[in-house]
Protein backbone atom coordinates (compact mmCIF):
# COMPACT_ATOMS: atom_id res chain seq x y z
CA MET A 1 3.14 -2.83 0.55
CA ASN A 2 5.91 -0.06 -0.03
CA SER A 3 8.70 -0.43 2.26
CA GLN A 4 8.06 3.00 4.05
CA ALA A 5 4.32 1.83 4.90
CA ASN A 6 5.11 -1.61 6.32
CA ASP A 7 8.35 0.56 8.34
CA ARG A 8 5.75 2.60 9.82
CA ALA A 9 4.04 -0.23 10.93
CA ALA A 10 6.97 -2.15 11.81
CA SER A 11 8.09 0.39 14.42
CA GLY A 12 6.69 -0.51 17.85
CA ALA A 13 5.03 -3.44 16.22
CA ASP A 14 3.13 -4.86 19.04
CA VAL A 15 1.98 -1.50 20.29
CA ILE A 16 -1.16 0.11 19.35
CA ASP A 17 -0.42 3.52 19.48
CA LEU A 18 -2.96 6.45 19.32
CA GLY A 19 -1.03 9.90 20.55
CA PRO A 20 1.66 10.52 22.75
CA ALA A 21 -0.31 9.81 25.93
CA LEU A 22 -1.85 6.47 24.73
CA SER A 23 0.34 3.66 23.75
CA LEU A 24 -0.70 0.40 24.78
CA ARG A 25 1.26 -2.72 24.25
CA GLY A 26 -1.14 -5.95 22.95
CA VAL A 27 -0.70 -8.91 21.56
CA ARG A 28 0.40 -9.81 17.71
CA VAL A 29 -2.11 -12.91 15.96
CA HIS A 30 -1.68 -13.70 12.51
CA PHE A 31 -4.48 -14.42 10.29
CA GLU A 32 -4.88 -16.23 7.20
CA ARG A 33 -6.07 -14.93 3.96
CA ASN A 34 -9.66 -14.24 4.29
CA ALA A 35 -9.77 -15.47 8.15
CA GLU A 36 -12.57 -13.42 9.86
CA ILE A 37 -11.05 -11.29 13.00
CA PHE A 38 -14.56 -10.95 14.36
CA GLY A 39 -18.25 -10.72 12.90
CA GLU A 40 -20.91 -8.41 12.87
CA GLY A 41 -22.78 -8.78 16.59
CA GLU A 42 -19.76 -10.05 17.96
CA PRO A 43 -18.72 -8.16 21.39
CA ALA A 44 -16.36 -5.16 20.66
CA GLU A 45 -13.72 -6.36 23.45
CA TYR A 46 -10.35 -5.31 21.55
CA LEU A 47 -8.75 -2.43 19.36
CA TYR A 48 -6.41 -3.70 16.40
CA ARG A 49 -3.91 -2.32 14.53
CA VAL A 50 -2.33 -3.64 11.50
CA VAL A 51 0.94 -4.52 11.37
CA SER A 52 1.17 -6.32 7.68
CA GLY A 53 -1.06 -7.17 4.76
CA ALA A 54 -4.97 -5.44 4.72
CA VAL A 55 -8.42 -6.10 6.35
CA ARG A 56 -11.80 -5.24 5.21
CA LYS A 57 -14.33 -4.04 7.08
CA MET A 58 -17.96 -5.01 5.81
CA ARG A 59 -21.42 -6.34 6.02
CA PHE A 60 -24.09 -8.26 4.19
CA SER A 61 -27.23 -6.51 2.96
CA SER A 62 -31.02 -8.31 3.41
CA ASP A 63 -30.49 -9.96 -0.14
CA GLY A 64 -26.88 -11.11 0.87
CA ARG A 65 -24.98 -9.00 -1.08
CA ARG A 66 -21.47 -8.02 0.55
CA GLN A 67 -20.78 -4.22 1.04
CA ILE A 68 -17.20 -3.20 2.07
CA LEU A 69 -17.06 -0.02 4.17
CA ALA A 70 -13.31 0.29 4.42
CA PHE A 71 -9.55 -1.24 3.86
CA CYS A 72 -7.28 -1.08 6.59
CA LEU A 73 -3.74 -1.16 5.70
CA PRO A 74 0.07 -1.09 7.32
CA GLY A 75 -0.42 1.17 10.50
CA ASP A 76 -4.50 1.40 10.46
CA VAL A 77 -6.28 0.90 13.79
CA PHE A 78 -9.41 -0.52 13.67
CA GLY A 79 -12.50 -1.86 15.83
CA LEU A 80 -13.83 1.05 17.56
CA GLU A 81 -17.73 0.89 18.35
CA LEU A 82 -19.59 3.26 20.35
CA GLY A 83 -21.95 0.20 21.63
CA ASP A 84 -20.87 -3.37 23.04
CA THR A 85 -20.74 -5.17 20.07
CA HIS A 86 -19.53 -4.77 16.44
CA SER A 87 -21.63 -3.46 13.82
CA LEU A 88 -19.64 -4.74 11.42
CA SER A 89 -17.44 -7.70 10.19
CA ALA A 90 -13.51 -7.58 9.61
CA GLU A 91 -11.82 -9.99 7.36
CA ALA A 92 -8.01 -10.60 6.70
CA VAL A 93 -7.91 -9.91 3.01
CA ASN A 94 -4.09 -11.72 2.54
CA ASN A 95 -1.98 -12.95 5.30
CA ALA A 96 -2.36 -10.00 7.49
CA GLU A 97 -0.44 -9.96 11.15
CA ILE A 98 -2.74 -8.11 13.59
CA VAL A 99 -1.96 -6.09 17.14
CA MET A 100 -5.12 -6.68 19.54
CA VAL A 101 -5.16 -4.36 22.84
CA ARG A 102 -8.36 -4.84 25.37
CA ARG A 103 -10.79 -1.97 24.77
CA SER A 104 -11.22 -1.57 28.47
CA LEU A 105 -7.49 -0.59 28.90
CA ILE A 106 -7.71 1.95 26.58
CA GLU A 107 -10.99 3.14 28.13
CA LYS A 108 -9.25 3.12 31.30
CA ALA A 109 -6.24 5.18 30.26
CA ALA A 110 -8.35 7.51 28.86
CA ALA A 111 -10.58 7.67 32.46
CA ASP A 112 -7.30 8.43 33.79
CA ASP A 113 -5.23 10.84 31.98
CA PRO A 114 -7.64 13.72 29.90
CA ARG A 115 -4.24 13.78 27.32
CA ALA A 116 -5.09 10.32 26.72
CA ALA A 117 -9.13 11.35 26.08
CA ARG A 118 -8.09 13.59 23.62
CA CYS A 119 -6.19 10.92 21.84
CA TRP A 120 -9.23 8.49 21.60
CA LEU A 121 -11.34 11.39 20.84
CA GLN A 122 -9.04 12.18 18.01
CA TYR A 123 -9.42 8.50 17.25
CA ALA A 124 -12.71 8.60 16.94
CA SER A 125 -12.81 11.81 14.58
CA ASP A 126 -10.34 10.32 12.69
CA SER A 127 -12.52 7.27 12.15
CA LEU A 128 -15.34 9.21 10.97
CA ALA A 129 -13.26 10.73 8.62
CA LYS A 130 -12.41 8.05 6.57
CA ALA A 131 -16.17 7.49 6.70
CA ARG A 132 -17.53 10.94 4.87
CA GLU A 133 -14.24 9.96 2.64
CA HIS A 134 -15.78 6.57 1.56
CA ALA A 135 -19.75 8.21 1.05
CA LEU A 136 -17.64 11.00 -1.02
CA ILE A 137 -16.54 8.39 -3.36
CA LEU A 138 -20.21 6.71 -3.67
CA GLY A 139 -21.42 9.96 -4.07
CA ARG A 140 -19.60 10.09 -7.68
CA LYS A 141 -22.03 8.86 -10.33
CA GLY A 142 -20.46 6.83 -12.56
CA ALA A 143 -17.76 3.76 -12.61
CA ASN A 144 -14.98 5.76 -13.78
CA GLU A 145 -15.19 8.35 -11.49
CA ARG A 146 -15.15 6.17 -8.68
CA VAL A 147 -12.50 4.06 -9.79
CA ALA A 148 -10.32 7.02 -10.28
CA ALA A 149 -10.92 8.73 -6.83
CA PHE A 150 -10.13 4.78 -5.64
CA LEU A 151 -6.99 4.83 -7.11
CA MET A 152 -6.07 8.50 -6.05
CA LEU A 153 -6.98 7.74 -2.65
CA MET A 154 -4.94 4.36 -2.60
CA SER A 155 -1.91 5.87 -4.03
CA GLU A 156 -1.62 8.39 -1.40
CA ARG A 157 -2.26 5.61 1.41
CA CYS A 158 -0.14 2.59 -0.30
CA SER A 159 3.02 5.15 -1.44
CA ARG A 160 4.26 8.69 -2.17
CA GLY A 161 5.16 7.73 -5.35
CA GLN A 162 3.22 6.75 -8.58
CA ASP A 163 3.30 2.67 -8.95
CA PHE A 164 1.92 0.73 -6.10
CA ASP A 165 0.53 -2.46 -5.54
CA LEU A 166 -3.45 -3.03 -4.63
CA PRO A 167 -3.68 -6.32 -1.69
CA MET A 168 -7.13 -6.08 -2.89
CA SER A 169 -9.09 -8.11 -5.60
CA ARG A 170 -11.12 -6.51 -8.57
CA SER A 171 -14.18 -8.25 -6.22
CA ASP A 172 -13.25 -6.08 -2.96
CA ILE A 173 -12.99 -2.99 -4.97
CA ALA A 174 -16.53 -3.38 -6.87
CA ASP A 175 -17.92 -4.37 -3.23
CA TYR A 176 -16.06 -1.08 -1.83
CA LEU A 177 -17.21 1.17 -5.07
CA GLY A 178 -20.80 -0.32 -5.42
CA LEU A 179 -20.32 -1.60 -8.91
CA THR A 180 -19.73 -5.17 -10.59
CA ILE A 181 -16.31 -6.42 -10.80
CA GLU A 182 -17.12 -5.94 -14.88
CA SER A 183 -17.24 -2.28 -14.26
CA VAL A 184 -14.58 -2.20 -12.52
CA SER A 185 -12.39 -4.15 -14.91
CA ARG A 186 -13.88 -1.50 -17.79
CA SER A 187 -13.06 1.47 -16.31
CA PHE A 188 -9.26 0.16 -15.71
CA THR A 189 -9.05 -0.56 -19.29
CA GLU A 190 -10.48 2.88 -20.35
CA MET A 191 -7.69 4.84 -18.08
CA GLU A 192 -5.15 2.64 -19.75
CA ARG A 193 -6.29 3.95 -22.86
CA GLN A 194 -6.37 7.42 -21.73
CA HIS A 195 -2.76 6.94 -20.48
CA ALA A 196 -3.78 7.54 -16.87
CA ILE A 197 -2.44 4.27 -15.66
CA THR A 198 -0.55 1.77 -16.45
CA LEU A 199 -1.42 -2.12 -15.03
CA PRO A 200 1.95 -4.05 -15.56
CA THR A 201 -0.16 -6.88 -13.32
CA SER A 202 -3.88 -6.81 -12.02
CA ARG A 203 -2.43 -5.58 -8.70
CA HIS A 204 0.55 -3.68 -9.28
CA VAL A 205 -0.73 -0.01 -10.81
CA VAL A 206 1.86 2.70 -12.13
CA ILE A 207 -0.12 6.06 -12.57
CA ASP A 208 1.42 7.72 -15.29
CA SER A 209 -0.89 10.95 -15.66
CA ARG A 210 -1.70 11.75 -11.85
CA SER A 211 -3.88 14.85 -14.08
CA THR A 212 -5.61 12.76 -16.15
CA LEU A 213 -6.99 10.42 -13.36
CA ALA A 214 -7.56 13.53 -11.20
CA LEU A 215 -9.71 14.50 -14.31
CA MET A 216 -11.57 11.28 -14.54
CA GLN A 217 -12.44 11.35 -11.19
CA ALA A 218 -14.23 15.05 -11.34
CA ALA A 219 -16.07 14.07 -14.51
């Protein structure tokens, strides 16, 4: 992860900050790679923030296929539920440091202070916006379009420059985009062939032509 993202995440590292009137100190917990943070159907007792590493939010379909709904990167807050239980599972993509704050404390703060309540509603609105973002990516027809849109999104989230490291595997990307691993790999190869990107390693992406990548996502 780029240093700017890590700096932002480390600022107030043990605090979940949802706005100027809603900032609470929590407990930092380390999760090993692929460790479960919470499971679908479990009580939704905490809100979480990524300090370092990455998290995938996911569920399994009735036929056992894994569906990844979102990736949470340093600084991201996750775990919001409308009900009392989690509708998804969350796992650490790699070794991750996570801050946990009891949901009851956040709800009490929102109930006691209208400004905190507005911060809470803004966070809920931002969470819905991210869900819509994923839906828009899945709405693209071809594998190349979906992978290109994913890389454009990750370039904005991971850095403001032209190169960044993907914390997730090809398998994770495939399950996020509703594709096979082979389709994802072919799309990366095609983007390299068109000089849109360079892949010095399997996880490190250099965007050589943002305009070409943008055209591919809009094809």
